[in-house]
Amino acid sequence: MKLGVSYGSYLFTSGFVSDVGPSHKHATLGLPMRYYEPRPDRPLRWFIQKQAEYREKYFVRGISLSLPLPDFQDQAIVKETVDLLKKNELEVPLYKIELDYQASPHGYLSTEQEFSPCMNALRKQMEMAEHLNSKLLGIDLPGRVLNRYRKDITLEKQLERLSENLKHIFKLAKSFKIDGILLTNHAGYKSKDILNLVNRIRDDTLGVNFSVANPLLNLEDPIDAARELGPLIRMVTLNDLKVIGTTYYGCRILGVWLGKGSVDLPGLLFYLREKTAGTHGFGLIETTPLEGSEDRAVVESLKYMTENFHGYL
């Protein structure tokens, strides 16, 4: 396994949820959380140079880009990015693309008219992935807006519409030098739902970017989830979450750096290496600490991996 770091790890900002939206009415207003926000002190150039520093010390060999970055509208920045990656011998094994499900009143893109603007944006992102020589695209399933826990849209209807949306994306991707599209497991859909979705699409280039801690958000054991998805796993995102029981029948699930949470990382990595035939070439570190420095969270996670799993790298 090669180690990589997600740009998203450096883009989290502490904040409070003031409006959790219709799909999260059960949540508590004012819940502290972290959310993505562009930060002037974390430009892409800074991120690449930081990972280049970690290349020898922590065996970092790649990066993943998690957002449609506004900087990529500037061709000079695109060229600088490509040159920096080449100079520092860093790969971009995964380029994540996003669907703006919040733009739809239904929580999914239900008509050709709704989907058309989205396709134009996706085309630009695929062009960027091609510039960066990234052969795999990642798609985050829309867990915040659309998820199995909604009462107003059945799970069957959701999977039906998602599969139709994904078929459009696969058709578009055929025009680019892309080897596959990977679905990332997020809160909102269990592993069996993702498997159901994959079976509806039936495309050999479709796989899974397995985020190792995210099954906890759906009350699944991560190793059981890995068994469910099995050979579909082509990439691994290394993250960790801490489940804390509370006094009155519930729990809190908090982002922490690797090795500080509730995921059995030794058992999980052993299973992935032995049972999935090593098809996942990269382990991409993505930290989402509720408190503290993102920089420290990344460094501590890299230390944890290199000190405890040197034989895997």
C-alpha atoms as a PDB file:
ATOM      1  CA  MET A   1       0.000   0.000   0.000  1.00  0.00           C
ATOM      2  CA  LYS A   2       1.243   3.489  -0.869  1.00  0.00           C
ATOM      3  CA  LEU A   3       0.402   6.347   1.486  1.00  0.00           C
ATOM      4  CA  GLY A   4      -1.353   9.477   0.313  1.00  0.00           C
ATOM      5  CA  VAL A   5      -2.967  12.472   1.984  1.00  0.00           C
ATOM      6  CA  SER A   6      -6.283  14.104   1.143  1.00  0.00           C
ATOM      7  CA  TYR A   7      -6.304  17.851   0.546  1.00  0.00           C
ATOM      8  CA  GLY A   8      -9.609  17.905   2.430  1.00  0.00           C
ATOM      9  CA  SER A   9      -7.725  17.182   5.661  1.00  0.00           C
ATOM     10  CA  TYR A  10      -6.439  20.774   5.611  1.00  0.00           C
ATOM     11  CA  LEU A  11      -9.692  22.478   4.655  1.00  0.00           C
ATOM     12  CA  PHE A  12     -11.814  21.852   7.711  1.00  0.00           C
ATOM     13  CA  THR A  13     -12.948  24.830   9.768  1.00  0.00           C
ATOM     14  CA  SER A  14     -14.470  24.642  13.235  1.00  0.00           C
ATOM     15  CA  GLY A  15     -18.037  25.835  13.415  1.00  0.00           C
ATOM     16  CA  PHE A  16     -21.554  25.226  14.641  1.00  0.00           C
ATOM     17  CA  VAL A  17     -24.564  23.908  12.782  1.00  0.00           C
ATOM     18  CA  SER A  18     -27.220  26.609  12.806  1.00  0.00           C
ATOM     19  CA  ASP A  19     -29.534  24.996  10.254  1.00  0.00           C
ATOM     20  CA  VAL A  20     -29.320  21.256   9.766  1.00  0.00           C
ATOM     21  CA  GLY A  21     -31.826  21.055   6.907  1.00  0.00           C
ATOM     22  CA  PRO A  22     -34.870  18.874   6.249  1.00  0.00           C
ATOM     23  CA  SER A  23     -33.002  15.589   6.128  1.00  0.00           C
ATOM     24  CA  HIS A  24     -31.507  16.044   9.602  1.00  0.00           C
ATOM     25  CA  LYS A  25     -34.450  17.177  11.719  1.00  0.00           C
ATOM     26  CA  HIS A  26     -33.388  14.805  14.466  1.00  0.00           C
ATOM     27  CA  ALA A  27     -30.074  16.601  14.946  1.00  0.00           C
ATOM     28  CA  THR A  28     -29.448  19.127  17.708  1.00  0.00           C
ATOM     29  CA  LEU A  29     -29.133  22.749  16.621  1.00  0.00           C
ATOM     30  CA  GLY A  30     -25.843  24.228  17.683  1.00  0.00           C
ATOM     31  CA  LEU A  31     -24.007  20.909  17.371  1.00  0.00           C
ATOM     32  CA  PRO A  32     -20.263  21.627  17.037  1.00  0.00           C
ATOM     33  CA  MET A  33     -18.798  20.229  13.825  1.00  0.00           C
ATOM     34  CA  ARG A  34     -16.261  20.845  11.110  1.00  0.00           C
ATOM     35  CA  TYR A  35     -17.064  21.744   7.567  1.00  0.00           C
ATOM     36  CA  TYR A  36     -15.166  22.379   4.359  1.00  0.00           C
ATOM     37  CA  GLU A  37     -14.290  25.989   3.680  1.00  0.00           C
ATOM     38  CA  PRO A  38     -11.619  27.390   1.314  1.00  0.00           C
ATOM     39  CA  ARG A  39      -8.745  28.775   3.353  1.00  0.00           C
ATOM     40  CA  PRO A  40      -6.280  31.366   1.988  1.00  0.00           C
ATOM     41  CA  ASP A  41      -3.524  29.967   4.228  1.00  0.00           C
ATOM     42  CA  ARG A  42      -3.886  26.498   2.663  1.00  0.00           C
ATOM     43  CA  PRO A  43      -3.498  26.982  -1.103  1.00  0.00           C
ATOM     44  CA  LEU A  44      -2.918  23.925  -3.247  1.00  0.00           C
ATOM     45  CA  ARG A  45       0.734  24.912  -3.771  1.00  0.00           C
ATOM     46  CA  TRP A  46       1.277  24.857  -0.007  1.00  0.00           C
ATOM     47  CA  PHE A  47      -0.412  21.457   0.279  1.00  0.00           C
ATOM     48  CA  ILE A  48       1.734  19.832  -2.425  1.00  0.00           C
ATOM     49  CA  GLN A  49       4.954  21.223  -0.972  1.00  0.00           C
ATOM     50  CA  LYS A  50       3.948  20.028   2.498  1.00  0.00           C
ATOM     51  CA  GLN A  51       3.414  16.475   1.248  1.00  0.00           C
ATOM     52  CA  ALA A  52       6.736  16.626  -0.603  1.00  0.00           C
ATOM     53  CA  GLU A  53       8.369  17.278   2.784  1.00  0.00           C
ATOM     54  CA  TYR A  54       6.646  14.160   4.122  1.00  0.00           C
ATOM     55  CA  ARG A  55       7.694  12.010   1.168  1.00  0.00           C
ATOM     56  CA  GLU A  56      10.898  10.590   2.667  1.00  0.00           C
ATOM     57  CA  LYS A  57      10.007  10.784   6.349  1.00  0.00           C
ATOM     58  CA  TYR A  58       6.525   9.287   6.116  1.00  0.00           C
ATOM     59  CA  PHE A  59       6.568   7.546   2.713  1.00  0.00           C
ATOM     60  CA  VAL A  60       3.920   9.856   1.233  1.00  0.00           C
ATOM     61  CA  ARG A  61       3.607   9.038  -2.461  1.00  0.00           C
ATOM     62  CA  GLY A  62       0.397  10.735  -3.500  1.00  0.00           C
ATOM     63  CA  ILE A  63      -2.415  13.159  -2.808  1.00  0.00           C
ATOM     64  CA  SER A  64      -6.134  13.143  -3.397  1.00  0.00           C
ATOM     65  CA  LEU A  65      -8.111  16.218  -4.308  1.00  0.00           C
ATOM     66  CA  SER A  66     -11.475  16.245  -2.609  1.00  0.00           C
ATOM     67  CA  LEU A  67     -13.183  19.346  -3.953  1.00  0.00           C
ATOM     68  CA  PRO A  68     -13.902  21.046  -7.277  1.00  0.00           C
ATOM     69  CA  LEU A  69     -11.252  23.702  -6.772  1.00  0.00           C
ATOM     70  CA  PRO A  70     -11.903  27.258  -8.026  1.00  0.00           C
ATOM     71  CA  ASP A  71      -8.155  27.672  -8.606  1.00  0.00           C
ATOM     72  CA  PHE A  72      -8.378  25.267 -11.519  1.00  0.00           C
ATOM     73  CA  GLN A  73     -10.202  27.900 -13.573  1.00  0.00           C
ATOM     74  CA  ASP A  74      -6.770  29.503 -13.988  1.00  0.00           C
ATOM     75  CA  GLN A  75      -4.666  27.640 -16.557  1.00  0.00           C
ATOM     76  CA  ALA A  76      -1.446  29.021 -15.065  1.00  0.00           C
ATOM     77  CA  ILE A  77      -2.323  27.407 -11.725  1.00  0.00           C
ATOM     78  CA  VAL A  78      -3.172  24.148 -13.494  1.00  0.00           C
ATOM     79  CA  LYS A  79       0.252  24.106 -15.171  1.00  0.00           C
ATOM     80  CA  GLU A  80       2.000  25.011 -11.909  1.00  0.00           C
ATOM     81  CA  THR A  81       0.150  22.182 -10.128  1.00  0.00           C
ATOM     82  CA  VAL A  82       1.115  19.609 -12.760  1.00  0.00           C
ATOM     83  CA  ASP A  83       4.760  20.779 -12.686  1.00  0.00           C
ATOM     84  CA  LEU A  84       4.881  20.686  -8.867  1.00  0.00           C
ATOM     85  CA  LEU A  85       3.497  17.149  -8.769  1.00  0.00           C
ATOM     86  CA  LYS A  86       5.999  15.956 -11.344  1.00  0.00           C
ATOM     87  CA  LYS A  87       8.918  17.696  -9.633  1.00  0.00           C
ATOM     88  CA  ASN A  88       8.058  16.164  -6.250  1.00  0.00           C
ATOM     89  CA  GLU A  89       7.174  12.729  -7.678  1.00  0.00           C
ATOM     90  CA  LEU A  90       3.659  12.772  -6.276  1.00  0.00           C
ATOM     91  CA  GLU A  91       0.718  10.986  -7.874  1.00  0.00           C
ATOM     92  CA  VAL A  92      -2.954  11.915  -7.807  1.00  0.00           C
ATOM     93  CA  PRO A  93      -4.441   8.410  -7.557  1.00  0.00           C
ATOM     94  CA  LEU A  94      -7.960   9.705  -6.906  1.00  0.00           C
ATOM     95  CA  TYR A  95      -9.738  12.855  -8.018  1.00  0.00           C
ATOM     96  CA  LYS A  96     -13.086  13.277  -6.279  1.00  0.00           C
ATOM     97  CA  ILE A  97     -15.947  14.777  -8.217  1.00  0.00           C
ATOM     98  CA  GLU A  98     -19.144  16.030  -6.665  1.00  0.00           C
ATOM     99  CA  LEU A  99     -22.799  16.205  -7.563  1.00  0.00           C
ATOM    100  CA  ASP A 100     -24.675  19.240  -6.261  1.00  0.00           C
ATOM    101  CA  TYR A 101     -27.694  17.407  -4.894  1.00  0.00           C
ATOM    102  CA  GLN A 102     -28.623  20.383  -2.762  1.00  0.00           C
ATOM    103  CA  ALA A 103     -29.508  22.281  -5.949  1.00  0.00           C
ATOM    104  CA  SER A 104     -32.436  19.934  -6.505  1.00  0.00           C
ATOM    105  CA  PRO A 105     -35.686  20.325  -4.545  1.00  0.00           C
ATOM    106  CA  HIS A 106     -36.070  16.534  -4.577  1.00  0.00           C
ATOM    107  CA  GLY A 107     -32.663  15.742  -3.083  1.00  0.00           C
ATOM    108  CA  TYR A 108     -31.612  14.063  -6.325  1.00  0.00           C
ATOM    109  CA  LEU A 109     -31.326  15.059  -9.977  1.00  0.00           C
ATOM    110  CA  SER A 110     -34.548  13.762 -11.402  1.00  0.00           C
ATOM    111  CA  THR A 111     -34.839  15.312 -14.858  1.00  0.00           C
ATOM    112  CA  GLU A 112     -32.581  15.872 -17.854  1.00  0.00           C
ATOM    113  CA  GLN A 113     -33.042  19.607 -17.354  1.00  0.00           C
ATOM    114  CA  GLU A 114     -31.767  19.401 -13.772  1.00  0.00           C
ATOM    115  CA  PHE A 115     -28.913  17.101 -14.700  1.00  0.00           C
ATOM    116  CA  SER A 116     -27.591  19.114 -17.670  1.00  0.00           C
ATOM    117  CA  PRO A 117     -25.838  21.922 -15.700  1.00  0.00           C
ATOM    118  CA  CYS A 118     -24.373  19.311 -13.394  1.00  0.00           C
ATOM    119  CA  MET A 119     -22.906  17.440 -16.371  1.00  0.00           C
ATOM    120  CA  ASN A 120     -21.163  20.574 -17.607  1.00  0.00           C
ATOM    121  CA  ALA A 121     -19.505  21.001 -14.218  1.00  0.00           C
ATOM    122  CA  LEU A 122     -18.550  17.304 -14.133  1.00  0.00           C
ATOM    123  CA  ARG A 123     -17.021  17.570 -17.590  1.00  0.00           C
ATOM    124  CA  LYS A 124     -14.689  20.327 -16.351  1.00  0.00           C
ATOM    125  CA  GLN A 125     -13.704  18.233 -13.342  1.00  0.00           C
ATOM    126  CA  MET A 126     -12.958  15.229 -15.553  1.00  0.00           C
ATOM    127  CA  GLU A 127     -10.801  17.415 -17.757  1.00  0.00           C
ATOM    128  CA  MET A 128      -8.867  18.456 -14.650  1.00  0.00           C
ATOM    129  CA  ALA A 129      -8.439  14.832 -13.582  1.00  0.00           C
ATOM    130  CA  GLU A 130      -7.008  14.075 -17.014  1.00  0.00           C
ATOM    131  CA  HIS A 131      -4.547  16.987 -16.745  1.00  0.00           C
ATOM    132  CA  LEU A 132      -3.357  15.573 -13.417  1.00  0.00           C
ATOM    133  CA  ASN A 133      -3.029  12.072 -14.900  1.00  0.00           C
ATOM    134  CA  SER A 134      -5.510  10.776 -12.338  1.00  0.00           C
ATOM    135  CA  LYS A 135      -6.991   7.514 -13.594  1.00  0.00           C
ATOM    136  CA  LEU A 136      -9.663   7.071 -10.932  1.00  0.00           C
ATOM    137  CA  LEU A 137     -12.569   9.353 -10.125  1.00  0.00           C
ATOM    138  CA  GLY A 138     -14.228   9.294  -6.718  1.00  0.00           C
ATOM    139  CA  ILE A 139     -17.877  10.122  -6.077  1.00  0.00           C
ATOM    140  CA  ASP A 140     -19.125  10.861  -2.579  1.00  0.00           C
ATOM    141  CA  LEU A 141     -22.641   9.535  -2.146  1.00  0.00           C
ATOM    142  CA  PRO A 142     -24.942  12.386  -1.018  1.00  0.00           C
ATOM    143  CA  GLY A 143     -25.446  11.376   2.592  1.00  0.00           C
ATOM    144  CA  ARG A 144     -26.385  14.798   3.960  1.00  0.00           C
ATOM    145  CA  VAL A 145     -29.235  15.558   1.577  1.00  0.00           C
ATOM    146  CA  LEU A 146     -30.219  12.114   0.353  1.00  0.00           C
ATOM    147  CA  ASN A 147     -29.987   9.080   2.646  1.00  0.00           C
ATOM    148  CA  ARG A 148     -31.696   5.851   3.704  1.00  0.00           C
ATOM    149  CA  TYR A 149     -33.111   7.509   6.819  1.00  0.00           C
ATOM    150  CA  ARG A 150     -35.383   9.939   4.992  1.00  0.00           C
ATOM    151  CA  LYS A 151     -39.074   9.179   5.389  1.00  0.00           C
ATOM    152  CA  ASP A 152     -40.321  11.192   2.417  1.00  0.00           C
ATOM    153  CA  ILE A 153     -38.339   9.299  -0.274  1.00  0.00           C
ATOM    154  CA  THR A 154     -38.101   5.507  -0.116  1.00  0.00           C
ATOM    155  CA  LEU A 155     -34.703   3.851  -0.269  1.00  0.00           C
ATOM    156  CA  GLU A 156     -35.779   2.027  -3.439  1.00  0.00           C
ATOM    157  CA  LYS A 157     -36.612   5.326  -5.134  1.00  0.00           C
ATOM    158  CA  GLN A 158     -33.316   6.849  -4.025  1.00  0.00           C
ATOM    159  CA  LEU A 159     -31.241   3.969  -5.392  1.00  0.00           C
ATOM    160  CA  GLU A 160     -33.217   4.019  -8.626  1.00  0.00           C
ATOM    161  CA  ARG A 161     -32.511   7.716  -9.199  1.00  0.00           C
ATOM    162  CA  LEU A 162     -28.887   7.491  -8.070  1.00  0.00           C
ATOM    163  CA  SER A 163     -28.226   4.633 -10.480  1.00  0.00           C
ATOM    164  CA  GLU A 164     -29.717   6.666 -13.340  1.00  0.00           C
ATOM    165  CA  ASN A 165     -27.540   9.648 -12.404  1.00  0.00           C
ATOM    166  CA  LEU A 166     -24.434   7.464 -12.243  1.00  0.00           C
ATOM    167  CA  LYS A 167     -25.133   5.928 -15.642  1.00  0.00           C
ATOM    168  CA  HIS A 168     -25.014   9.436 -17.142  1.00  0.00           C
ATOM    169  CA  ILE A 169     -21.668  10.021 -15.433  1.00  0.00           C
ATOM    170  CA  PHE A 170     -20.239   6.744 -16.720  1.00  0.00           C
ATOM    171  CA  LYS A 171     -21.297   7.640 -20.235  1.00  0.00           C
ATOM    172  CA  LEU A 172     -19.521  10.990 -19.951  1.00  0.00           C
ATOM    173  CA  ALA A 173     -16.392   9.404 -18.428  1.00  0.00           C
ATOM    174  CA  LYS A 174     -15.937   7.193 -21.510  1.00  0.00           C
ATOM    175  CA  SER A 175     -14.726  10.327 -23.334  1.00  0.00           C
ATOM    176  CA  PHE A 176     -11.764  10.683 -20.963  1.00  0.00           C
ATOM    177  CA  LYS A 177      -8.695   8.631 -20.045  1.00  0.00           C
ATOM    178  CA  ILE A 178     -10.274   7.247 -16.882  1.00  0.00           C
ATOM    179  CA  ASP A 179      -9.859   3.676 -15.679  1.00  0.00           C
ATOM    180  CA  GLY A 180     -12.685   3.635 -13.159  1.00  0.00           C
ATOM    181  CA  ILE A 181     -15.149   5.442 -10.934  1.00  0.00           C
ATOM    182  CA  LEU A 182     -15.170   4.716  -7.215  1.00  0.00           C
ATOM    183  CA  LEU A 183     -18.075   5.326  -4.849  1.00  0.00           C
ATOM    184  CA  THR A 184     -17.056   6.494  -1.380  1.00  0.00           C
ATOM    185  CA  ASN A 185     -19.077   5.100   1.516  1.00  0.00           C
ATOM    186  CA  HIS A 186     -20.412   7.951   3.615  1.00  0.00           C
ATOM    187  CA  ALA A 187     -23.036   8.424   6.293  1.00  0.00           C
ATOM    188  CA  GLY A 188     -26.474   7.744   4.899  1.00  0.00           C
ATOM    189  CA  TYR A 189     -26.036   4.456   3.033  1.00  0.00           C
ATOM    190  CA  LYS A 190     -25.025   1.103   4.436  1.00  0.00           C
ATOM    191  CA  SER A 191     -22.625  -1.226   2.641  1.00  0.00           C
ATOM    192  CA  LYS A 192     -25.503  -3.388   1.401  1.00  0.00           C
ATOM    193  CA  ASP A 193     -27.053  -0.247  -0.168  1.00  0.00           C
ATOM    194  CA  ILE A 194     -23.833   0.484  -2.041  1.00  0.00           C
ATOM    195  CA  LEU A 195     -23.689  -3.128  -3.212  1.00  0.00           C
ATOM    196  CA  ASN A 196     -27.297  -2.807  -4.389  1.00  0.00           C
ATOM    197  CA  LEU A 197     -26.393   0.344  -6.307  1.00  0.00           C
ATOM    198  CA  VAL A 198     -23.361  -1.285  -7.954  1.00  0.00           C
ATOM    199  CA  ASN A 199     -25.483  -4.253  -9.055  1.00  0.00           C
ATOM    200  CA  ARG A 200     -27.959  -1.882 -10.728  1.00  0.00           C
ATOM    201  CA  ILE A 201     -25.257  -0.197 -12.786  1.00  0.00           C
ATOM    202  CA  ARG A 202     -23.299  -3.296 -13.781  1.00  0.00           C
ATOM    203  CA  ASP A 203     -20.140  -1.640 -15.057  1.00  0.00           C
ATOM    204  CA  ASP A 204     -16.776  -3.354 -14.606  1.00  0.00           C
ATOM    205  CA  THR A 205     -15.052  -0.021 -14.053  1.00  0.00           C
ATOM    206  CA  LEU A 206     -17.189   0.766 -10.987  1.00  0.00           C
ATOM    207  CA  GLY A 207     -15.617   0.139  -7.596  1.00  0.00           C
ATOM    208  CA  VAL A 208     -15.451   1.471  -4.047  1.00  0.00           C
ATOM    209  CA  ASN A 209     -13.160   3.885  -2.263  1.00  0.00           C
ATOM    210  CA  PHE A 210     -13.539   2.349   1.196  1.00  0.00           C
ATOM    211  CA  SER A 211     -13.446   4.941   3.952  1.00  0.00           C
ATOM    212  CA  VAL A 212     -12.545   2.707   6.876  1.00  0.00           C
ATOM    213  CA  ALA A 213     -14.280   4.583   9.718  1.00  0.00           C
ATOM    214  CA  ASN A 214     -17.433   5.709   7.923  1.00  0.00           C
ATOM    215  CA  PRO A 215     -19.378   2.460   8.531  1.00  0.00           C
ATOM    216  CA  LEU A 216     -19.551   3.544  12.187  1.00  0.00           C
ATOM    217  CA  LEU A 217     -21.782   6.432  11.070  1.00  0.00           C
ATOM    218  CA  ASN A 218     -24.298   3.823   9.879  1.00  0.00           C
ATOM    219  CA  LEU A 219     -23.936   1.615  12.971  1.00  0.00           C
ATOM    220  CA  GLU A 220     -21.915  -0.964  11.020  1.00  0.00           C
ATOM    221  CA  ASP A 221     -18.726  -2.696  12.070  1.00  0.00           C
ATOM    222  CA  PRO A 222     -15.983  -1.561   9.626  1.00  0.00           C
ATOM    223  CA  ILE A 223     -14.655  -5.097   9.131  1.00  0.00           C
ATOM    224  CA  ASP A 224     -18.162  -6.409   8.408  1.00  0.00           C
ATOM    225  CA  ALA A 225     -18.602  -3.574   5.902  1.00  0.00           C
ATOM    226  CA  ALA A 226     -15.304  -4.481   4.240  1.00  0.00           C
ATOM    227  CA  ARG A 227     -16.467  -8.092   3.956  1.00  0.00           C
ATOM    228  CA  GLU A 228     -19.733  -6.905   2.363  1.00  0.00           C
ATOM    229  CA  LEU A 229     -17.959  -4.811  -0.276  1.00  0.00           C
ATOM    230  CA  GLY A 230     -15.021  -7.213  -0.694  1.00  0.00           C
ATOM    231  CA  PRO A 231     -13.493  -7.225  -4.190  1.00  0.00           C
ATOM    232  CA  LEU A 232     -15.162  -3.933  -5.111  1.00  0.00           C
ATOM    233  CA  ILE A 233     -12.649  -2.104  -2.887  1.00  0.00           C
ATOM    234  CA  ARG A 234     -10.030  -0.510  -5.138  1.00  0.00           C
ATOM    235  CA  MET A 235      -8.902   2.345  -2.895  1.00  0.00           C
ATOM    236  CA  VAL A 236      -8.819   2.909   0.864  1.00  0.00           C
ATOM    237  CA  THR A 237      -9.352   6.157   2.749  1.00  0.00           C
ATOM    238  CA  LEU A 238      -7.705   5.952   6.168  1.00  0.00           C
ATOM    239  CA  ASN A 239      -9.743   7.815   8.766  1.00  0.00           C
ATOM    240  CA  ASP A 240     -10.783   7.200  12.352  1.00  0.00           C
ATOM    241  CA  LEU A 241     -13.784   8.044  14.515  1.00  0.00           C
ATOM    242  CA  LYS A 242     -14.312   7.770  18.251  1.00  0.00           C
ATOM    243  CA  VAL A 243     -17.655   6.417  19.491  1.00  0.00           C
ATOM    244  CA  ILE A 244     -18.432   7.761  22.956  1.00  0.00           C
ATOM    245  CA  GLY A 245     -21.396   6.382  24.885  1.00  0.00           C
ATOM    246  CA  THR A 246     -23.530   8.937  26.698  1.00  0.00           C
ATOM    247  CA  THR A 247     -25.567   8.615  29.874  1.00  0.00           C
ATOM    248  CA  TYR A 248     -29.002   8.766  28.275  1.00  0.00           C
ATOM    249  CA  TYR A 249     -29.238   6.087  25.600  1.00  0.00           C
ATOM    250  CA  GLY A 250     -27.115   7.347  22.759  1.00  0.00           C
ATOM    251  CA  CYS A 251     -23.620   8.123  21.636  1.00  0.00           C
ATOM    252  CA  ARG A 252     -21.441  10.777  20.078  1.00  0.00           C
ATOM    253  CA  ILE A 253     -19.179   9.986  17.123  1.00  0.00           C
ATOM    254  CA  LEU A 254     -16.205  12.314  16.850  1.00  0.00           C
ATOM    255  CA  GLY A 255     -13.428  12.697  14.300  1.00  0.00           C
ATOM    256  CA  VAL A 256      -9.928  11.910  15.617  1.00  0.00           C
ATOM    257  CA  TRP A 257      -6.572  11.119  14.075  1.00  0.00           C
ATOM    258  CA  LEU A 258      -5.579   7.568  13.198  1.00  0.00           C
ATOM    259  CA  GLY A 259      -5.154   5.194  16.116  1.00  0.00           C
ATOM    260  CA  LYS A 260      -7.154   7.320  18.590  1.00  0.00           C
ATOM    261  CA  GLY A 261     -10.609   6.120  17.595  1.00  0.00           C
ATOM    262  CA  SER A 262     -12.829   3.056  17.643  1.00  0.00           C
ATOM    263  CA  VAL A 263     -11.742   1.459  14.359  1.00  0.00           C
ATOM    264  CA  ASP A 264      -9.732  -1.768  14.637  1.00  0.00           C
ATOM    265  CA  LEU A 265      -7.174  -0.577  12.108  1.00  0.00           C
ATOM    266  CA  PRO A 266      -4.742  -3.513  12.543  1.00  0.00           C
ATOM    267  CA  GLY A 267      -7.536  -6.051  12.001  1.00  0.00           C
ATOM    268  CA  LEU A 268      -9.054  -4.092   9.146  1.00  0.00           C
ATOM    269  CA  LEU A 269      -5.799  -3.550   7.246  1.00  0.00           C
ATOM    270  CA  PHE A 270      -4.898  -7.222   7.684  1.00  0.00           C
ATOM    271  CA  TYR A 271      -8.271  -8.223   6.271  1.00  0.00           C
ATOM    272  CA  LEU A 272      -7.964  -5.839   3.319  1.00  0.00           C
ATOM    273  CA  ARG A 273      -4.486  -7.087   2.465  1.00  0.00           C
ATOM    274  CA  GLU A 274      -5.371 -10.760   2.769  1.00  0.00           C
ATOM    275  CA  LYS A 275      -8.897 -10.838   1.354  1.00  0.00           C
ATOM    276  CA  THR A 276      -9.017  -8.184  -1.352  1.00  0.00           C
ATOM    277  CA  ALA A 277      -5.852  -9.284  -3.132  1.00  0.00           C
ATOM    278  CA  GLY A 278      -4.170  -5.924  -2.566  1.00  0.00           C
ATOM    279  CA  THR A 279      -6.212  -4.291  -5.310  1.00  0.00           C
ATOM    280  CA  HIS A 280      -6.190  -1.005  -3.356  1.00  0.00           C
ATOM    281  CA  GLY A 281      -2.893   0.611  -4.347  1.00  0.00           C
ATOM    282  CA  PHE A 282      -3.224   3.637  -2.083  1.00  0.00           C
ATOM    283  CA  GLY A 283      -4.265   4.366   1.471  1.00  0.00           C
ATOM    284  CA  LEU A 284      -5.341   8.015   1.528  1.00  0.00           C
ATOM    285  CA  ILE A 285      -5.203   9.670   4.940  1.00  0.00           C
ATOM    286  CA  GLU A 286      -8.108  12.003   5.635  1.00  0.00           C
ATOM    287  CA  THR A 287      -8.486  13.423   9.106  1.00  0.00           C
ATOM    288  CA  THR A 288     -11.538  15.247  10.432  1.00  0.00           C
ATOM    289  CA  PRO A 289     -10.659  16.124  14.042  1.00  0.00           C
ATOM    290  CA  LEU A 290     -13.412  17.878  15.944  1.00  0.00           C
ATOM    291  CA  GLU A 291     -10.828  19.852  17.886  1.00  0.00           C
ATOM    292  CA  GLY A 292      -7.203  20.811  17.470  1.00  0.00           C
ATOM    293  CA  SER A 293      -4.899  21.431  14.552  1.00  0.00           C
ATOM    294  CA  GLU A 294      -5.504  19.746  11.192  1.00  0.00           C
ATOM    295  CA  ASP A 295      -1.742  19.858  10.591  1.00  0.00           C
ATOM    296  CA  ARG A 296      -1.031  17.904  13.757  1.00  0.00           C
ATOM    297  CA  ALA A 297      -3.804  15.420  12.979  1.00  0.00           C
ATOM    298  CA  VAL A 298      -2.209  14.624   9.605  1.00  0.00           C
ATOM    299  CA  VAL A 299       1.293  14.293  11.056  1.00  0.00           C
ATOM    300  CA  GLU A 300       0.148  12.079  13.941  1.00  0.00           C
ATOM    301  CA  SER A 301      -1.777   9.896  11.478  1.00  0.00           C
ATOM    302  CA  LEU A 302       1.280   9.548   9.241  1.00  0.00           C
ATOM    303  CA  LYS A 303       3.408   8.660  12.270  1.00  0.00           C
ATOM    304  CA  TYR A 304       0.870   6.044  13.329  1.00  0.00           C
ATOM    305  CA  MET A 305       0.910   4.396   9.916  1.00  0.00           C
ATOM    306  CA  THR A 306       4.694   4.390   9.463  1.00  0.00           C
ATOM    307  CA  GLU A 307       5.420   3.227  13.016  1.00  0.00           C
ATOM    308  CA  ASN A 308       2.784   0.499  13.183  1.00  0.00           C
ATOM    309  CA  PHE A 309       2.325  -0.666   9.591  1.00  0.00           C
ATOM    310  CA  HIS A 310       5.736  -0.292   8.007  1.00  0.00           C
ATOM    311  CA  GLY A 311       5.406  -3.739   6.463  1.00  0.00           C
ATOM    312  CA  TYR A 312       2.272  -2.666   4.591  1.00  0.00           C
ATOM    313  CA  LEU A 313       3.924   0.365   2.956  1.00  0.00           C
END
